[in-house]
Amino acid sequence: MRKINKIIVHCSGTPEFKNFDVNDIKDWHVNGNGWSDVGYHYIIKLDGEIQPGRLEKTIGAHCYRNNRDSIGICYIGGMDKQMKKWIDTRTEAQKESLLKLINELKEKYPGAIVYGHKDFTNKKLCPSFDAKKEYEEKV
């Protein structure tokens, strides 16, 4: 079993209120990037549905140099309708599901710290909010 010490939150970088799912992201990652599978372990749709991606036991492909010891969660959205600004587009259902999933993962992987993708890169503003700050006290 992998040693997990990070839970990394992402957004799909798609326009607000436009729904996508794990199949769309898998297509982008496999056919667009040439990867073997979807890079995230979980995807959270606009309605809050939590969809499985890669198996937790499988190393993800979601955060350069931080995949071995992490679980990647991606919520759909993160950009304004014009795709010009990174904004927090999470629906209430997504917020609830994200918190529920993070709590479950923290119970399963005690000591894991929640981060946003942007905590590891200066190239992206993903996930469009400060995940580390938001979840350090709630979880």
C-alpha atoms as a PDB file:
ATOM      1  CA  MET A   1       0.000   0.000   0.000  1.00  0.00           C
ATOM      2  CA  ARG A   2       1.250   3.489  -0.813  1.00  0.00           C
ATOM      3  CA  LYS A   3       2.120   5.869   2.009  1.00  0.00           C
ATOM      4  CA  ILE A   4      -0.210   8.856   1.539  1.00  0.00           C
ATOM      5  CA  ASN A   5       0.712  12.121   3.239  1.00  0.00           C
ATOM      6  CA  LYS A   6      -0.905  14.618   0.861  1.00  0.00           C
ATOM      7  CA  ILE A   7      -4.434  15.165  -0.401  1.00  0.00           C
ATOM      8  CA  ILE A   8      -4.179  17.555  -3.335  1.00  0.00           C
ATOM      9  CA  VAL A   9      -7.251  19.463  -4.510  1.00  0.00           C
ATOM     10  CA  HIS A  10      -7.566  20.525  -8.142  1.00  0.00           C
ATOM     11  CA  CYS A  11     -10.163  22.118 -10.394  1.00  0.00           C
ATOM     12  CA  SER A  12     -10.731  21.029 -13.979  1.00  0.00           C
ATOM     13  CA  GLY A  13     -10.066  24.539 -15.305  1.00  0.00           C
ATOM     14  CA  THR A  14     -13.382  24.529 -17.139  1.00  0.00           C
ATOM     15  CA  PRO A  15     -16.081  27.226 -17.357  1.00  0.00           C
ATOM     16  CA  GLU A  16     -18.473  27.685 -14.444  1.00  0.00           C
ATOM     17  CA  PHE A  17     -21.771  25.806 -14.675  1.00  0.00           C
ATOM     18  CA  LYS A  18     -20.552  23.621 -17.560  1.00  0.00           C
ATOM     19  CA  ASN A  19     -20.724  20.021 -16.453  1.00  0.00           C
ATOM     20  CA  PHE A  20     -18.055  17.482 -17.242  1.00  0.00           C
ATOM     21  CA  ASP A  21     -17.324  14.109 -15.694  1.00  0.00           C
ATOM     22  CA  VAL A  22     -14.626  11.497 -15.220  1.00  0.00           C
ATOM     23  CA  ASN A  23     -15.053  10.267 -18.807  1.00  0.00           C
ATOM     24  CA  ASP A  24     -14.332  13.730 -20.218  1.00  0.00           C
ATOM     25  CA  ILE A  25     -11.256  14.154 -18.051  1.00  0.00           C
ATOM     26  CA  LYS A  26     -10.043  10.657 -18.899  1.00  0.00           C
ATOM     27  CA  ASP A  27     -10.389  11.515 -22.593  1.00  0.00           C
ATOM     28  CA  TRP A  28      -8.364  14.727 -22.109  1.00  0.00           C
ATOM     29  CA  HIS A  29      -5.664  12.904 -20.170  1.00  0.00           C
ATOM     30  CA  VAL A  30      -5.443   9.769 -22.333  1.00  0.00           C
ATOM     31  CA  ASN A  31      -6.073  11.163 -25.818  1.00  0.00           C
ATOM     32  CA  GLY A  32      -4.862  14.710 -25.192  1.00  0.00           C
ATOM     33  CA  ASN A  33      -1.838  14.074 -22.969  1.00  0.00           C
ATOM     34  CA  GLY A  34      -1.019  10.499 -23.930  1.00  0.00           C
ATOM     35  CA  TRP A  35      -1.326   9.230 -20.353  1.00  0.00           C
ATOM     36  CA  SER A  36      -2.441   5.703 -19.490  1.00  0.00           C
ATOM     37  CA  ASP A  37      -5.501   6.803 -17.501  1.00  0.00           C
ATOM     38  CA  VAL A  38      -7.246   9.740 -15.855  1.00  0.00           C
ATOM     39  CA  GLY A  39      -4.735  11.482 -13.591  1.00  0.00           C
ATOM     40  CA  TYR A  40      -6.993  12.076 -10.565  1.00  0.00           C
ATOM     41  CA  HIS A  41      -8.255   9.590  -8.026  1.00  0.00           C
ATOM     42  CA  TYR A  42     -11.616  11.381  -7.624  1.00  0.00           C
ATOM     43  CA  ILE A  43     -13.689  13.858  -9.630  1.00  0.00           C
ATOM     44  CA  ILE A  44     -16.546  15.879  -8.123  1.00  0.00           C
ATOM     45  CA  LYS A  45     -19.273  16.884 -10.547  1.00  0.00           C
ATOM     46  CA  LEU A  46     -21.394  20.051 -10.281  1.00  0.00           C
ATOM     47  CA  ASP A  47     -24.201  18.130  -8.561  1.00  0.00           C
ATOM     48  CA  GLY A  48     -21.746  16.844  -5.932  1.00  0.00           C
ATOM     49  CA  GLU A  49     -21.493  13.318  -7.298  1.00  0.00           C
ATOM     50  CA  ILE A  50     -18.099  11.873  -6.392  1.00  0.00           C
ATOM     51  CA  GLN A  51     -16.761   9.796  -9.259  1.00  0.00           C
ATOM     52  CA  PRO A  52     -13.804   7.439  -8.886  1.00  0.00           C
ATOM     53  CA  GLY A  53     -10.849   7.917 -11.195  1.00  0.00           C
ATOM     54  CA  ARG A  54      -7.599   6.039 -10.674  1.00  0.00           C
ATOM     55  CA  LEU A  55      -7.554   3.500  -7.898  1.00  0.00           C
ATOM     56  CA  GLU A  56      -6.090   4.889  -4.683  1.00  0.00           C
ATOM     57  CA  LYS A  57      -3.412   2.193  -4.737  1.00  0.00           C
ATOM     58  CA  THR A  58      -2.223   3.535  -8.110  1.00  0.00           C
ATOM     59  CA  ILE A  59       0.099   6.523  -8.307  1.00  0.00           C
ATOM     60  CA  GLY A  60      -1.759   9.479  -9.783  1.00  0.00           C
ATOM     61  CA  ALA A  61      -0.734  11.887 -12.540  1.00  0.00           C
ATOM     62  CA  HIS A  62      -1.997  15.170 -11.156  1.00  0.00           C
ATOM     63  CA  CYS A  63       0.835  17.069  -9.454  1.00  0.00           C
ATOM     64  CA  TYR A  64       4.385  16.995 -10.800  1.00  0.00           C
ATOM     65  CA  ARG A  65       6.844  15.473  -8.316  1.00  0.00           C
ATOM     66  CA  ASN A  66       4.061  14.884  -5.764  1.00  0.00           C
ATOM     67  CA  ASN A  67       2.142  11.932  -7.190  1.00  0.00           C
ATOM     68  CA  ARG A  68       3.784   9.069  -5.292  1.00  0.00           C
ATOM     69  CA  ASP A  69       2.508  10.050  -1.856  1.00  0.00           C
ATOM     70  CA  SER A  70      -0.748  11.815  -2.671  1.00  0.00           C
ATOM     71  CA  ILE A  71      -4.389  11.422  -3.591  1.00  0.00           C
ATOM     72  CA  GLY A  72      -5.687  13.813  -6.267  1.00  0.00           C
ATOM     73  CA  ILE A  73      -9.207  15.223  -6.115  1.00  0.00           C
ATOM     74  CA  CYS A  74     -10.579  17.401  -8.919  1.00  0.00           C
ATOM     75  CA  TYR A  75     -13.788  19.408  -8.801  1.00  0.00           C
ATOM     76  CA  ILE A  76     -15.389  20.436 -12.093  1.00  0.00           C
ATOM     77  CA  GLY A  77     -15.068  24.165 -12.793  1.00  0.00           C
ATOM     78  CA  GLY A  78     -12.612  26.788 -11.632  1.00  0.00           C
ATOM     79  CA  MET A  79     -12.876  29.319 -14.465  1.00  0.00           C
ATOM     80  CA  ASP A  80     -15.337  32.058 -15.358  1.00  0.00           C
ATOM     81  CA  LYS A  81     -17.686  31.575 -18.313  1.00  0.00           C
ATOM     82  CA  GLN A  82     -15.301  33.354 -20.679  1.00  0.00           C
ATOM     83  CA  MET A  83     -12.339  31.228 -19.511  1.00  0.00           C
ATOM     84  CA  LYS A  84     -10.370  34.371 -18.661  1.00  0.00           C
ATOM     85  CA  LYS A  85     -10.294  34.307 -14.844  1.00  0.00           C
ATOM     86  CA  TRP A  86      -9.676  31.610 -12.262  1.00  0.00           C
ATOM     87  CA  ILE A  87     -12.593  31.805  -9.825  1.00  0.00           C
ATOM     88  CA  ASP A  88     -14.044  29.587  -7.145  1.00  0.00           C
ATOM     89  CA  THR A  89     -17.017  28.069  -8.962  1.00  0.00           C
ATOM     90  CA  ARG A  90     -17.760  25.279  -6.488  1.00  0.00           C
ATOM     91  CA  THR A  91     -21.445  24.624  -6.029  1.00  0.00           C
ATOM     92  CA  GLU A  92     -22.779  23.995  -2.527  1.00  0.00           C
ATOM     93  CA  ALA A  93     -23.079  20.315  -3.469  1.00  0.00           C
ATOM     94  CA  GLN A  94     -19.427  20.252  -4.544  1.00  0.00           C
ATOM     95  CA  LYS A  95     -18.331  21.928  -1.316  1.00  0.00           C
ATOM     96  CA  GLU A  96     -20.240  19.358   0.745  1.00  0.00           C
ATOM     97  CA  SER A  97     -18.873  16.422  -1.249  1.00  0.00           C
ATOM     98  CA  LEU A  98     -15.333  17.763  -1.154  1.00  0.00           C
ATOM     99  CA  LEU A  99     -15.451  18.127   2.624  1.00  0.00           C
ATOM    100  CA  LYS A 100     -17.001  14.658   3.029  1.00  0.00           C
ATOM    101  CA  LEU A 101     -14.389  13.032   0.780  1.00  0.00           C
ATOM    102  CA  ILE A 102     -11.480  14.840   2.440  1.00  0.00           C
ATOM    103  CA  ASN A 103     -12.732  13.771   5.872  1.00  0.00           C
ATOM    104  CA  GLU A 104     -12.969  10.154   4.702  1.00  0.00           C
ATOM    105  CA  LEU A 105      -9.467  10.280   3.216  1.00  0.00           C
ATOM    106  CA  LYS A 106      -8.005  11.917   6.330  1.00  0.00           C
ATOM    107  CA  GLU A 107      -9.508   9.144   8.442  1.00  0.00           C
ATOM    108  CA  LYS A 108      -8.037   6.544   6.106  1.00  0.00           C
ATOM    109  CA  TYR A 109      -4.655   8.324   5.885  1.00  0.00           C
ATOM    110  CA  PRO A 110      -4.041   9.942   9.289  1.00  0.00           C
ATOM    111  CA  GLY A 111      -1.568  12.784   9.129  1.00  0.00           C
ATOM    112  CA  ALA A 112      -2.231  13.549   5.453  1.00  0.00           C
ATOM    113  CA  ILE A 113      -2.246  17.297   4.804  1.00  0.00           C
ATOM    114  CA  VAL A 114      -4.638  18.955   2.371  1.00  0.00           C
ATOM    115  CA  TYR A 115      -3.082  21.159  -0.295  1.00  0.00           C
ATOM    116  CA  GLY A 116      -4.200  22.910  -3.435  1.00  0.00           C
ATOM    117  CA  HIS A 117      -2.374  22.192  -6.687  1.00  0.00           C
ATOM    118  CA  LYS A 118      -1.188  25.800  -6.698  1.00  0.00           C
ATOM    119  CA  ASP A 119       0.819  25.116  -3.526  1.00  0.00           C
ATOM    120  CA  PHE A 120       3.221  23.140  -5.734  1.00  0.00           C
ATOM    121  CA  THR A 121       3.435  25.312  -8.850  1.00  0.00           C
ATOM    122  CA  ASN A 122       3.493  28.968  -9.797  1.00  0.00           C
ATOM    123  CA  LYS A 123       2.139  28.180 -13.280  1.00  0.00           C
ATOM    124  CA  LYS A 124      -1.494  27.596 -12.272  1.00  0.00           C
ATOM    125  CA  LEU A 125      -4.023  29.078  -9.884  1.00  0.00           C
ATOM    126  CA  CYS A 126      -5.735  25.708  -9.545  1.00  0.00           C
ATOM    127  CA  PRO A 127      -7.990  25.041  -7.607  1.00  0.00           C
ATOM    128  CA  SER A 128      -9.158  28.710  -7.636  1.00  0.00           C
ATOM    129  CA  PHE A 129      -9.322  28.926  -3.823  1.00  0.00           C
ATOM    130  CA  ASP A 130      -6.909  28.334  -0.946  1.00  0.00           C
ATOM    131  CA  ALA A 131      -7.573  24.652  -0.217  1.00  0.00           C
ATOM    132  CA  LYS A 132      -4.816  24.339   2.369  1.00  0.00           C
ATOM    133  CA  LYS A 133      -6.216  27.205   4.433  1.00  0.00           C
ATOM    134  CA  GLU A 134      -9.877  26.216   3.991  1.00  0.00           C
ATOM    135  CA  TYR A 135      -9.429  22.596   5.024  1.00  0.00           C
ATOM    136  CA  GLU A 136      -6.774  22.843   7.727  1.00  0.00           C
ATOM    137  CA  GLU A 137      -9.383  23.883  10.290  1.00  0.00           C
ATOM    138  CA  LYS A 138     -12.532  22.184   8.984  1.00  0.00           C
ATOM    139  CA  VAL A 139     -11.113  18.728   8.671  1.00  0.00           C
END
